[in-house]
N, C-alpha and C. Protein backbone atom coordinates (compact mmCIF):
# COMPACT_ATOMS: atom_id res chain seq x y z
N UNK A 1 -17.00 -4.53 9.32
CA UNK A 1 -16.23 -5.18 10.36
C UNK A 1 -14.97 -4.36 10.65
N UNK A 2 -14.62 -4.20 11.90
CA UNK A 2 -13.45 -3.44 12.29
C UNK A 2 -12.20 -4.32 12.26
N UNK A 3 -11.03 -3.66 12.24
CA UNK A 3 -9.77 -4.39 12.18
C UNK A 3 -9.65 -5.39 13.31
N UNK A 4 -10.08 -5.00 14.51
CA UNK A 4 -9.99 -5.90 15.67
C UNK A 4 -10.81 -7.16 15.45
N UNK A 5 -11.92 -7.03 14.73
CA UNK A 5 -12.77 -8.21 14.46
C UNK A 5 -12.08 -9.16 13.50
N UNK A 6 -11.45 -8.61 12.46
CA UNK A 6 -10.70 -9.47 11.54
C UNK A 6 -9.59 -10.21 12.27
N UNK A 7 -8.89 -9.49 13.13
CA UNK A 7 -7.78 -10.10 13.86
C UNK A 7 -8.27 -11.20 14.79
N UNK A 8 -9.46 -11.03 15.33
CA UNK A 8 -10.02 -12.04 16.23
C UNK A 8 -10.54 -13.26 15.47
N UNK A 9 -11.04 -13.03 14.26
CA UNK A 9 -11.74 -14.09 13.53
C UNK A 9 -10.84 -14.96 12.67
N UNK A 10 -9.64 -14.47 12.33
CA UNK A 10 -8.78 -15.21 11.41
C UNK A 10 -7.40 -15.46 12.02
N UNK A 11 -6.78 -16.56 11.58
CA UNK A 11 -5.49 -16.95 12.11
C UNK A 11 -4.33 -16.63 11.17
N UNK A 12 -4.63 -16.42 9.90
CA UNK A 12 -3.60 -16.14 8.90
C UNK A 12 -4.11 -15.05 7.97
N UNK A 13 -3.20 -14.21 7.52
CA UNK A 13 -3.55 -13.08 6.65
C UNK A 13 -2.61 -13.08 5.45
N UNK A 14 -3.22 -13.08 4.27
CA UNK A 14 -2.48 -13.14 3.02
C UNK A 14 -2.76 -11.87 2.24
N UNK A 15 -1.71 -11.13 1.90
CA UNK A 15 -1.86 -9.86 1.22
C UNK A 15 -1.27 -9.90 -0.17
N UNK A 16 -1.96 -9.30 -1.13
CA UNK A 16 -1.33 -8.91 -2.37
C UNK A 16 -0.51 -7.67 -2.07
N UNK A 17 0.19 -7.14 -3.07
CA UNK A 17 1.18 -6.10 -2.80
C UNK A 17 0.88 -4.77 -3.49
N UNK A 18 0.94 -4.75 -4.83
CA UNK A 18 0.73 -3.51 -5.57
C UNK A 18 -0.66 -2.94 -5.32
N UNK A 19 -0.70 -1.67 -4.93
CA UNK A 19 -1.96 -0.95 -4.68
C UNK A 19 -2.82 -1.61 -3.60
N UNK A 20 -2.21 -2.49 -2.83
CA UNK A 20 -2.86 -3.09 -1.66
C UNK A 20 -2.13 -2.64 -0.39
N UNK A 21 -0.82 -2.80 -0.38
CA UNK A 21 -0.02 -2.36 0.76
C UNK A 21 0.64 -1.01 0.54
N UNK A 22 0.87 -0.66 -0.71
CA UNK A 22 1.50 0.63 -1.03
C UNK A 22 0.95 1.08 -2.39
N UNK A 23 1.05 2.38 -2.71
CA UNK A 23 0.59 2.85 -4.04
C UNK A 23 1.65 2.57 -5.11
N UNK A 24 1.32 1.74 -6.07
CA UNK A 24 2.29 1.35 -7.09
C UNK A 24 2.83 2.56 -7.86
N UNK A 25 2.04 3.61 -7.99
CA UNK A 25 2.51 4.78 -8.73
C UNK A 25 3.76 5.39 -8.08
N UNK A 26 3.95 5.16 -6.77
CA UNK A 26 5.14 5.69 -6.11
C UNK A 26 6.41 5.05 -6.65
N UNK A 27 6.31 3.84 -7.11
CA UNK A 27 7.44 3.17 -7.77
C UNK A 27 7.57 3.64 -9.21
N UNK A 28 6.46 3.61 -9.93
CA UNK A 28 6.49 3.92 -11.35
C UNK A 28 6.96 5.34 -11.62
N UNK A 29 6.48 6.30 -10.86
CA UNK A 29 6.85 7.69 -11.11
C UNK A 29 8.33 7.94 -10.85
N UNK A 30 8.90 7.20 -9.91
CA UNK A 30 10.35 7.33 -9.69
C UNK A 30 11.14 6.72 -10.85
N UNK A 31 10.63 5.63 -11.41
CA UNK A 31 11.25 5.07 -12.61
C UNK A 31 11.18 6.06 -13.76
N UNK A 32 10.03 6.69 -13.95
CA UNK A 32 9.88 7.66 -15.04
C UNK A 32 10.85 8.83 -14.85
N UNK A 33 11.01 9.27 -13.62
CA UNK A 33 11.93 10.36 -13.33
C UNK A 33 13.36 9.98 -13.74
N UNK A 34 13.80 8.80 -13.33
CA UNK A 34 15.17 8.37 -13.63
C UNK A 34 15.35 8.11 -15.13
N UNK A 35 14.30 7.60 -15.78
CA UNK A 35 14.39 7.38 -17.22
C UNK A 35 14.51 8.71 -17.96
N UNK A 36 13.75 9.70 -17.55
CA UNK A 36 13.83 11.01 -18.20
C UNK A 36 15.21 11.64 -18.00
N UNK A 37 15.80 11.42 -16.82
CA UNK A 37 17.15 11.91 -16.57
C UNK A 37 18.17 11.21 -17.47
N UNK A 38 17.98 9.92 -17.66
CA UNK A 38 18.87 9.16 -18.54
C UNK A 38 18.78 9.66 -19.97
N UNK A 39 17.56 9.88 -20.45
CA UNK A 39 17.38 10.36 -21.82
C UNK A 39 17.98 11.76 -21.98
N UNK A 40 17.86 12.59 -20.98
CA UNK A 40 18.47 13.91 -21.06
C UNK A 40 19.99 13.78 -21.23
N UNK A 41 20.58 12.87 -20.48
CA UNK A 41 22.04 12.65 -20.58
C UNK A 41 22.42 12.06 -21.94
N UNK A 42 21.63 11.08 -22.40
CA UNK A 42 21.99 10.35 -23.63
C UNK A 42 21.66 11.13 -24.89
N UNK A 43 20.60 11.91 -24.86
CA UNK A 43 20.08 12.54 -26.08
C UNK A 43 20.01 14.07 -26.00
N UNK A 44 20.43 14.62 -24.87
CA UNK A 44 20.34 16.07 -24.66
C UNK A 44 18.91 16.58 -24.87
N UNK A 45 17.95 15.79 -24.36
CA UNK A 45 16.54 16.20 -24.39
C UNK A 45 16.16 16.70 -23.00
N UNK A 46 15.11 17.48 -22.95
CA UNK A 46 14.69 18.11 -21.70
C UNK A 46 14.01 17.07 -20.79
N UNK A 47 14.68 16.72 -19.68
CA UNK A 47 14.12 15.72 -18.76
C UNK A 47 12.82 16.18 -18.15
N UNK A 48 12.69 17.46 -17.88
CA UNK A 48 11.46 18.00 -17.28
C UNK A 48 10.27 17.78 -18.21
N UNK A 49 10.47 18.04 -19.49
CA UNK A 49 9.39 17.86 -20.48
C UNK A 49 9.02 16.38 -20.61
N UNK A 50 10.02 15.52 -20.65
CA UNK A 50 9.75 14.08 -20.78
C UNK A 50 8.99 13.58 -19.57
N UNK A 51 9.44 13.95 -18.39
CA UNK A 51 8.77 13.50 -17.17
C UNK A 51 7.35 14.02 -17.09
N UNK A 52 7.14 15.28 -17.46
CA UNK A 52 5.79 15.84 -17.44
C UNK A 52 4.87 15.06 -18.36
N UNK A 53 5.39 14.69 -19.54
CA UNK A 53 4.58 13.89 -20.46
C UNK A 53 4.24 12.53 -19.86
N UNK A 54 5.24 11.86 -19.29
CA UNK A 54 5.03 10.52 -18.77
C UNK A 54 4.05 10.53 -17.59
N UNK A 55 4.15 11.52 -16.74
CA UNK A 55 3.22 11.61 -15.61
C UNK A 55 1.79 11.84 -16.10
N UNK A 56 1.62 12.73 -17.08
CA UNK A 56 0.28 12.99 -17.61
C UNK A 56 -0.26 11.77 -18.35
N UNK A 57 0.62 11.11 -19.11
CA UNK A 57 0.19 9.93 -19.86
C UNK A 57 -0.19 8.79 -18.91
N UNK A 58 0.59 8.64 -17.84
CA UNK A 58 0.25 7.61 -16.85
C UNK A 58 -1.11 7.88 -16.23
N UNK A 59 -1.38 9.14 -15.90
CA UNK A 59 -2.67 9.49 -15.30
C UNK A 59 -3.83 9.20 -16.26
N UNK A 60 -3.60 9.39 -17.55
CA UNK A 60 -4.67 9.20 -18.53
C UNK A 60 -4.79 7.76 -19.02
N UNK A 61 -3.66 7.07 -19.16
CA UNK A 61 -3.67 5.77 -19.85
C UNK A 61 -3.08 4.62 -19.06
N UNK A 62 -2.52 4.90 -17.89
CA UNK A 62 -1.91 3.84 -17.11
C UNK A 62 -0.50 3.52 -17.59
N UNK A 63 0.09 2.53 -16.94
CA UNK A 63 1.50 2.20 -17.21
C UNK A 63 1.71 1.42 -18.50
N UNK A 64 0.82 0.49 -18.79
CA UNK A 64 1.02 -0.38 -19.95
C UNK A 64 1.15 0.46 -21.23
N UNK A 65 2.23 0.23 -21.96
CA UNK A 65 2.46 0.92 -23.22
C UNK A 65 3.08 2.30 -23.09
N UNK A 66 3.45 2.70 -21.88
CA UNK A 66 3.93 4.08 -21.70
C UNK A 66 5.27 4.31 -22.40
N UNK A 67 6.12 3.30 -22.47
CA UNK A 67 7.39 3.51 -23.19
C UNK A 67 7.12 3.82 -24.65
N UNK A 68 6.25 3.05 -25.29
CA UNK A 68 5.97 3.28 -26.71
C UNK A 68 5.38 4.67 -26.95
N UNK A 69 4.50 5.08 -26.08
CA UNK A 69 3.90 6.41 -26.26
C UNK A 69 4.94 7.51 -26.06
N UNK A 70 5.84 7.30 -25.10
CA UNK A 70 6.92 8.28 -24.88
C UNK A 70 7.90 8.28 -26.04
N UNK A 71 8.23 7.10 -26.52
CA UNK A 71 9.13 6.98 -27.68
C UNK A 71 8.56 7.74 -28.87
N UNK A 72 7.28 7.54 -29.14
CA UNK A 72 6.66 8.19 -30.29
C UNK A 72 6.58 9.71 -30.10
N UNK A 73 6.27 10.13 -28.89
CA UNK A 73 6.13 11.57 -28.63
C UNK A 73 7.45 12.30 -28.81
N UNK A 74 8.56 11.67 -28.40
CA UNK A 74 9.85 12.35 -28.43
C UNK A 74 10.79 11.78 -29.49
N UNK A 75 10.26 10.91 -30.34
CA UNK A 75 11.04 10.33 -31.44
C UNK A 75 12.32 9.68 -30.92
N UNK A 76 12.17 8.84 -29.92
CA UNK A 76 13.31 8.16 -29.31
C UNK A 76 13.61 6.86 -30.06
N UNK A 77 14.85 6.43 -29.99
CA UNK A 77 15.26 5.17 -30.59
C UNK A 77 14.69 4.00 -29.78
N UNK A 78 14.28 2.96 -30.49
CA UNK A 78 13.72 1.77 -29.84
C UNK A 78 14.71 1.12 -28.89
N UNK A 79 16.01 1.36 -29.10
CA UNK A 79 17.01 0.75 -28.24
C UNK A 79 16.84 1.14 -26.78
N UNK A 80 16.18 2.26 -26.51
CA UNK A 80 16.00 2.70 -25.13
C UNK A 80 14.96 1.88 -24.38
N UNK A 81 14.25 1.01 -25.11
CA UNK A 81 13.34 0.08 -24.44
C UNK A 81 14.11 -0.77 -23.43
N UNK A 82 15.32 -1.19 -23.80
CA UNK A 82 16.14 -2.01 -22.90
C UNK A 82 16.47 -1.26 -21.62
N UNK A 83 16.85 0.00 -21.76
CA UNK A 83 17.16 0.81 -20.57
C UNK A 83 15.94 0.99 -19.69
N UNK A 84 14.80 1.23 -20.31
CA UNK A 84 13.56 1.40 -19.55
C UNK A 84 13.20 0.13 -18.80
N UNK A 85 13.30 -1.01 -19.49
CA UNK A 85 12.95 -2.30 -18.87
C UNK A 85 13.89 -2.64 -17.72
N UNK A 86 15.18 -2.34 -17.89
CA UNK A 86 16.13 -2.60 -16.81
C UNK A 86 15.85 -1.73 -15.60
N UNK A 87 15.50 -0.47 -15.84
CA UNK A 87 15.12 0.40 -14.74
C UNK A 87 13.90 -0.15 -14.02
N UNK A 88 12.91 -0.61 -14.78
CA UNK A 88 11.69 -1.15 -14.16
C UNK A 88 12.01 -2.32 -13.25
N UNK A 89 12.98 -3.14 -13.63
CA UNK A 89 13.30 -4.32 -12.85
C UNK A 89 14.25 -4.06 -11.70
N UNK A 90 15.24 -3.22 -11.93
CA UNK A 90 16.36 -3.16 -10.99
C UNK A 90 16.66 -1.79 -10.43
N UNK A 91 15.78 -0.83 -10.62
CA UNK A 91 16.04 0.55 -10.22
C UNK A 91 16.38 0.65 -8.73
N UNK A 92 17.32 1.53 -8.42
CA UNK A 92 17.58 1.94 -7.04
C UNK A 92 16.82 3.24 -6.83
N UNK A 93 15.80 3.21 -6.03
CA UNK A 93 14.90 4.34 -5.90
C UNK A 93 15.52 5.48 -5.09
N UNK A 94 15.28 6.71 -5.49
CA UNK A 94 15.68 7.84 -4.65
C UNK A 94 14.97 7.85 -3.30
N UNK A 95 13.71 7.43 -3.28
CA UNK A 95 12.91 7.43 -2.06
C UNK A 95 12.32 6.05 -1.82
N UNK A 96 12.29 5.63 -0.57
CA UNK A 96 11.69 4.34 -0.23
C UNK A 96 10.18 4.35 -0.47
N UNK A 97 9.63 3.18 -0.71
CA UNK A 97 8.19 3.03 -0.86
C UNK A 97 7.55 2.96 0.52
N UNK A 98 6.51 3.73 0.72
CA UNK A 98 5.84 3.78 2.02
C UNK A 98 4.50 3.08 1.95
N UNK A 99 4.20 2.30 2.98
CA UNK A 99 2.93 1.60 3.05
C UNK A 99 1.79 2.58 3.28
N UNK A 100 0.59 2.21 2.80
CA UNK A 100 -0.60 2.96 3.16
C UNK A 100 -0.73 2.97 4.68
N UNK A 101 -1.18 4.06 5.26
CA UNK A 101 -1.30 4.15 6.72
C UNK A 101 -2.19 3.04 7.28
N UNK A 102 -3.34 2.82 6.64
CA UNK A 102 -4.26 1.80 7.13
C UNK A 102 -3.67 0.41 7.04
N UNK A 103 -2.96 0.15 5.95
CA UNK A 103 -2.32 -1.16 5.78
C UNK A 103 -1.24 -1.38 6.82
N UNK A 104 -0.44 -0.34 7.09
CA UNK A 104 0.62 -0.46 8.09
C UNK A 104 0.04 -0.77 9.46
N UNK A 105 -0.99 -0.06 9.85
CA UNK A 105 -1.60 -0.31 11.16
C UNK A 105 -2.17 -1.72 11.25
N UNK A 106 -2.76 -2.18 10.15
CA UNK A 106 -3.33 -3.53 10.16
C UNK A 106 -2.24 -4.59 10.26
N UNK A 107 -1.17 -4.42 9.49
CA UNK A 107 -0.05 -5.36 9.55
C UNK A 107 0.55 -5.41 10.95
N UNK A 108 0.69 -4.26 11.56
CA UNK A 108 1.22 -4.22 12.92
C UNK A 108 0.28 -4.94 13.88
N UNK A 109 -1.02 -4.82 13.63
CA UNK A 109 -1.99 -5.53 14.46
C UNK A 109 -1.90 -7.04 14.29
N UNK A 110 -1.65 -7.50 13.06
CA UNK A 110 -1.48 -8.93 12.80
C UNK A 110 -0.30 -9.48 13.58
N UNK A 111 0.82 -8.76 13.54
CA UNK A 111 2.01 -9.21 14.25
C UNK A 111 1.79 -9.18 15.76
N UNK A 112 1.18 -8.12 16.25
CA UNK A 112 0.92 -8.01 17.69
C UNK A 112 0.03 -9.14 18.17
N UNK A 113 -0.91 -9.55 17.33
CA UNK A 113 -1.83 -10.64 17.68
C UNK A 113 -1.20 -12.01 17.46
N UNK A 114 0.04 -12.03 16.99
CA UNK A 114 0.80 -13.27 16.76
C UNK A 114 0.10 -14.18 15.75
N UNK A 115 -0.42 -13.58 14.70
CA UNK A 115 -1.03 -14.33 13.62
C UNK A 115 -0.03 -14.47 12.46
N UNK A 116 -0.28 -15.42 11.58
CA UNK A 116 0.61 -15.64 10.44
C UNK A 116 0.37 -14.57 9.37
N UNK A 117 1.47 -14.14 8.73
CA UNK A 117 1.39 -13.05 7.77
C UNK A 117 2.16 -13.42 6.50
N UNK A 118 1.47 -13.30 5.37
CA UNK A 118 2.04 -13.69 4.08
C UNK A 118 1.84 -12.60 3.03
N UNK A 119 2.79 -12.52 2.11
CA UNK A 119 2.60 -11.76 0.89
C UNK A 119 2.49 -12.76 -0.25
N UNK A 120 1.50 -12.59 -1.10
CA UNK A 120 1.32 -13.40 -2.30
C UNK A 120 1.35 -12.43 -3.47
N UNK A 121 2.50 -12.32 -4.10
CA UNK A 121 2.79 -11.21 -5.01
C UNK A 121 2.74 -11.65 -6.46
N UNK A 122 1.91 -10.98 -7.25
CA UNK A 122 1.84 -11.26 -8.68
C UNK A 122 2.75 -10.31 -9.44
N UNK A 123 3.05 -10.65 -10.69
CA UNK A 123 3.93 -9.82 -11.51
C UNK A 123 5.33 -10.41 -11.61
N UNK A 124 6.19 -9.72 -12.33
CA UNK A 124 7.57 -10.15 -12.55
C UNK A 124 8.29 -10.29 -11.21
N UNK A 125 8.71 -11.50 -10.83
CA UNK A 125 9.34 -11.69 -9.52
C UNK A 125 10.57 -10.84 -9.28
N UNK A 126 11.39 -10.61 -10.32
CA UNK A 126 12.60 -9.80 -10.15
C UNK A 126 12.22 -8.37 -9.79
N UNK A 127 11.28 -7.80 -10.52
CA UNK A 127 10.85 -6.44 -10.24
C UNK A 127 10.15 -6.34 -8.89
N UNK A 128 9.31 -7.31 -8.60
CA UNK A 128 8.55 -7.26 -7.35
C UNK A 128 9.47 -7.40 -6.13
N UNK A 129 10.47 -8.26 -6.24
CA UNK A 129 11.43 -8.39 -5.14
C UNK A 129 12.20 -7.09 -4.95
N UNK A 130 12.53 -6.44 -6.05
CA UNK A 130 13.21 -5.15 -5.96
C UNK A 130 12.35 -4.13 -5.22
N UNK A 131 11.06 -4.14 -5.51
CA UNK A 131 10.14 -3.23 -4.81
C UNK A 131 10.09 -3.56 -3.32
N UNK A 132 9.95 -4.84 -3.01
CA UNK A 132 9.82 -5.27 -1.62
C UNK A 132 11.05 -4.84 -0.82
N UNK A 133 12.22 -4.99 -1.41
CA UNK A 133 13.46 -4.63 -0.72
C UNK A 133 13.57 -3.13 -0.47
N UNK A 134 12.84 -2.34 -1.26
CA UNK A 134 12.92 -0.89 -1.11
C UNK A 134 11.66 -0.30 -0.48
N UNK A 135 10.91 -1.15 0.18
CA UNK A 135 9.74 -0.71 0.93
C UNK A 135 10.13 -0.48 2.38
N UNK A 136 9.61 0.55 2.96
CA UNK A 136 9.82 0.80 4.39
C UNK A 136 8.79 -0.02 5.17
N UNK A 137 9.25 -1.13 5.74
CA UNK A 137 8.36 -2.06 6.42
C UNK A 137 8.23 -1.77 7.92
N UNK A 138 8.99 -0.83 8.42
CA UNK A 138 8.91 -0.48 9.84
C UNK A 138 9.15 -1.69 10.75
N UNK A 139 10.11 -2.53 10.36
CA UNK A 139 10.46 -3.70 11.15
C UNK A 139 9.62 -4.94 10.90
N UNK A 140 8.58 -4.83 10.08
CA UNK A 140 7.69 -5.97 9.83
C UNK A 140 8.30 -7.02 8.91
N UNK A 141 9.36 -6.65 8.18
CA UNK A 141 9.90 -7.54 7.16
C UNK A 141 10.38 -8.87 7.73
N UNK A 142 10.77 -8.90 8.99
CA UNK A 142 11.26 -10.15 9.58
C UNK A 142 10.13 -11.13 9.86
N UNK A 143 8.90 -10.65 9.80
CA UNK A 143 7.75 -11.51 10.09
C UNK A 143 6.94 -11.88 8.85
N UNK A 144 7.40 -11.43 7.69
CA UNK A 144 6.70 -11.70 6.44
C UNK A 144 7.20 -12.98 5.80
N UNK A 145 6.29 -13.79 5.29
CA UNK A 145 6.64 -14.90 4.41
C UNK A 145 6.14 -14.53 3.02
N UNK A 146 7.05 -14.49 2.05
CA UNK A 146 6.73 -13.98 0.72
C UNK A 146 6.67 -15.12 -0.29
N UNK A 147 5.60 -15.11 -1.09
CA UNK A 147 5.46 -16.01 -2.23
C UNK A 147 5.18 -15.18 -3.47
N UNK A 148 5.70 -15.65 -4.59
CA UNK A 148 5.40 -15.04 -5.89
C UNK A 148 4.51 -15.99 -6.67
N UNK A 149 3.47 -15.45 -7.28
CA UNK A 149 2.52 -16.32 -7.98
C UNK A 149 3.19 -17.12 -9.09
N UNK A 150 4.28 -16.58 -9.66
CA UNK A 150 4.99 -17.31 -10.72
C UNK A 150 5.66 -18.59 -10.21
N UNK A 151 5.77 -18.72 -8.88
CA UNK A 151 6.38 -19.93 -8.31
C UNK A 151 5.44 -21.13 -8.36
N UNK A 152 4.15 -20.87 -8.56
CA UNK A 152 3.17 -21.94 -8.48
C UNK A 152 2.84 -22.45 -9.88
N UNK A 153 2.65 -23.78 -10.02
CA UNK A 153 2.32 -24.32 -11.34
C UNK A 153 0.96 -23.87 -11.84
N UNK A 154 0.02 -23.69 -10.92
CA UNK A 154 -1.31 -23.18 -11.27
C UNK A 154 -1.32 -21.70 -10.90
N UNK A 155 -1.52 -20.83 -11.89
CA UNK A 155 -1.41 -19.40 -11.65
C UNK A 155 -2.71 -18.76 -11.15
N UNK A 156 -3.75 -19.55 -10.90
CA UNK A 156 -4.98 -18.96 -10.37
C UNK A 156 -4.76 -18.54 -8.93
N UNK A 157 -5.30 -17.41 -8.55
CA UNK A 157 -5.10 -16.89 -7.20
C UNK A 157 -5.69 -17.83 -6.17
N UNK A 158 -6.81 -18.46 -6.49
CA UNK A 158 -7.43 -19.40 -5.55
C UNK A 158 -6.50 -20.58 -5.28
N UNK A 159 -5.94 -21.17 -6.34
CA UNK A 159 -5.05 -22.32 -6.18
C UNK A 159 -3.81 -21.92 -5.40
N UNK A 160 -3.30 -20.72 -5.63
CA UNK A 160 -2.11 -20.25 -4.92
C UNK A 160 -2.39 -20.14 -3.43
N UNK A 161 -3.52 -19.56 -3.06
CA UNK A 161 -3.88 -19.39 -1.66
C UNK A 161 -4.06 -20.75 -0.99
N UNK A 162 -4.70 -21.66 -1.68
CA UNK A 162 -4.89 -23.00 -1.12
C UNK A 162 -3.55 -23.70 -0.91
N UNK A 163 -2.60 -23.48 -1.81
CA UNK A 163 -1.27 -24.07 -1.67
C UNK A 163 -0.55 -23.51 -0.45
N UNK A 164 -0.64 -22.20 -0.24
CA UNK A 164 -0.02 -21.57 0.93
C UNK A 164 -0.63 -22.12 2.22
N UNK A 165 -1.94 -22.24 2.24
CA UNK A 165 -2.63 -22.77 3.43
C UNK A 165 -2.18 -24.20 3.72
N UNK A 166 -2.09 -25.01 2.68
CA UNK A 166 -1.67 -26.40 2.87
C UNK A 166 -0.24 -26.49 3.38
N UNK A 167 0.64 -25.68 2.82
CA UNK A 167 2.06 -25.72 3.20
C UNK A 167 2.26 -25.28 4.64
N UNK A 168 1.45 -24.33 5.11
CA UNK A 168 1.66 -23.78 6.45
C UNK A 168 0.66 -24.31 7.49
N UNK A 169 -0.15 -25.26 7.08
CA UNK A 169 -0.96 -25.99 8.04
C UNK A 169 -2.12 -25.24 8.65
N UNK A 170 -2.75 -24.35 7.88
CA UNK A 170 -3.96 -23.73 8.38
C UNK A 170 -5.11 -23.95 7.38
N UNK A 171 -6.31 -23.94 7.90
CA UNK A 171 -7.48 -24.09 7.03
C UNK A 171 -7.72 -22.78 6.30
N UNK A 172 -8.08 -22.88 5.02
CA UNK A 172 -8.31 -21.67 4.26
C UNK A 172 -9.47 -20.86 4.85
N UNK A 173 -10.39 -21.55 5.52
CA UNK A 173 -11.50 -20.85 6.16
C UNK A 173 -11.04 -19.96 7.31
N UNK A 174 -9.86 -20.24 7.83
CA UNK A 174 -9.32 -19.46 8.94
C UNK A 174 -8.37 -18.36 8.49
N UNK A 175 -8.33 -18.13 7.18
CA UNK A 175 -7.43 -17.12 6.61
C UNK A 175 -8.24 -16.02 5.93
N UNK A 176 -7.63 -14.85 5.83
CA UNK A 176 -8.23 -13.73 5.12
C UNK A 176 -7.26 -13.26 4.04
N UNK A 177 -7.75 -13.21 2.81
CA UNK A 177 -6.96 -12.69 1.70
C UNK A 177 -7.34 -11.24 1.46
N UNK A 178 -6.36 -10.37 1.51
CA UNK A 178 -6.59 -8.94 1.30
C UNK A 178 -6.01 -8.56 -0.05
N UNK A 179 -6.87 -8.12 -0.95
CA UNK A 179 -6.43 -7.83 -2.31
C UNK A 179 -7.01 -6.54 -2.84
N UNK A 180 -6.74 -6.31 -4.11
CA UNK A 180 -7.25 -5.15 -4.83
C UNK A 180 -8.66 -5.45 -5.33
N UNK A 181 -9.45 -4.42 -5.52
CA UNK A 181 -10.84 -4.62 -5.94
C UNK A 181 -10.95 -5.42 -7.24
N UNK A 182 -9.94 -5.31 -8.11
CA UNK A 182 -9.97 -6.05 -9.38
C UNK A 182 -9.87 -7.55 -9.17
N UNK A 183 -9.44 -7.97 -7.99
CA UNK A 183 -9.26 -9.41 -7.73
C UNK A 183 -10.49 -10.07 -7.13
N UNK A 184 -11.48 -9.28 -6.78
CA UNK A 184 -12.67 -9.83 -6.12
C UNK A 184 -13.34 -10.90 -6.98
N UNK A 185 -13.38 -10.67 -8.30
CA UNK A 185 -14.06 -11.62 -9.18
C UNK A 185 -13.28 -12.92 -9.33
N UNK A 186 -12.01 -12.92 -8.88
CA UNK A 186 -11.18 -14.13 -9.00
C UNK A 186 -11.39 -15.09 -7.84
N UNK A 187 -12.11 -14.64 -6.82
CA UNK A 187 -12.36 -15.47 -5.63
C UNK A 187 -13.82 -15.90 -5.63
N UNK A 188 -14.07 -17.19 -5.74
CA UNK A 188 -15.44 -17.71 -5.76
C UNK A 188 -15.84 -18.22 -4.38
N UNK A 189 -17.11 -18.10 -4.02
CA UNK A 189 -17.56 -18.59 -2.72
C UNK A 189 -17.25 -20.07 -2.50
N UNK A 190 -17.26 -20.85 -3.56
CA UNK A 190 -17.03 -22.29 -3.43
C UNK A 190 -15.62 -22.61 -2.94
N UNK A 191 -14.69 -21.69 -3.12
CA UNK A 191 -13.30 -21.94 -2.71
C UNK A 191 -13.13 -21.91 -1.20
N UNK A 192 -14.07 -21.26 -0.50
CA UNK A 192 -13.95 -21.13 0.95
C UNK A 192 -13.00 -20.03 1.38
N UNK A 193 -12.47 -19.26 0.42
CA UNK A 193 -11.50 -18.21 0.72
C UNK A 193 -12.23 -16.94 1.14
N UNK A 194 -11.82 -16.36 2.23
CA UNK A 194 -12.38 -15.11 2.70
C UNK A 194 -11.61 -13.95 2.07
N UNK A 195 -12.33 -13.03 1.43
CA UNK A 195 -11.70 -11.94 0.70
C UNK A 195 -12.08 -10.60 1.31
N UNK A 196 -11.09 -9.70 1.38
CA UNK A 196 -11.32 -8.34 1.86
C UNK A 196 -10.67 -7.37 0.89
N UNK A 197 -11.44 -6.38 0.43
CA UNK A 197 -10.89 -5.31 -0.40
C UNK A 197 -9.99 -4.44 0.45
N UNK A 198 -8.75 -4.24 0.00
CA UNK A 198 -7.77 -3.49 0.80
C UNK A 198 -8.24 -2.08 1.12
N UNK A 199 -9.10 -1.51 0.26
CA UNK A 199 -9.57 -0.15 0.52
C UNK A 199 -10.30 -0.04 1.83
N UNK A 200 -10.87 -1.15 2.30
CA UNK A 200 -11.61 -1.12 3.56
C UNK A 200 -10.69 -1.00 4.78
N UNK A 201 -9.40 -1.23 4.58
CA UNK A 201 -8.47 -1.08 5.71
C UNK A 201 -8.29 0.39 6.09
N UNK A 202 -8.63 1.27 5.16
CA UNK A 202 -8.48 2.70 5.42
C UNK A 202 -9.74 3.32 5.99
N UNK A 203 -10.82 2.55 6.06
CA UNK A 203 -12.09 3.06 6.55
C UNK A 203 -12.11 3.10 8.06
């Protein structure tokens, strides 16, 4: 189905955020860069070497546990976990986060078609809000309604989407949820929720 068909068939569009609208690594790698610079200042260690390790480790093992692996590799004090965590939550990025080209065009199409547009964002709300504020939305930010999954008593993605639909007065059958491929198994046919893998927006 083409973008124009989705826009014609649905009245509301609900998007996840990380790796759906923008590449999350663009945030993480900037955090790693700033953390390596901090360690160079605090410990007189080579920031280039630390960053190279973190980038390679992220490519091989992902983000989870990267501080511990970096700490062990460079024999860093555990106290730097606090600095790393604060950077993850509150960092001021050197570069803004840019939306995927396909996602940006689709979002612009949603607004042009005067359809409802929502973000339903999972993860730490403080960190996620920090990311959202540092994303280049190209003027779309004034038309976004943002929800964080932690705001809902039921943390299932299906229940969250149904709550948004109820609050804003549209039938869930008239909405499209755009998420990451890992979320497909979380949406059951019985829920009536229409799901689209974000990767298809680039096709």
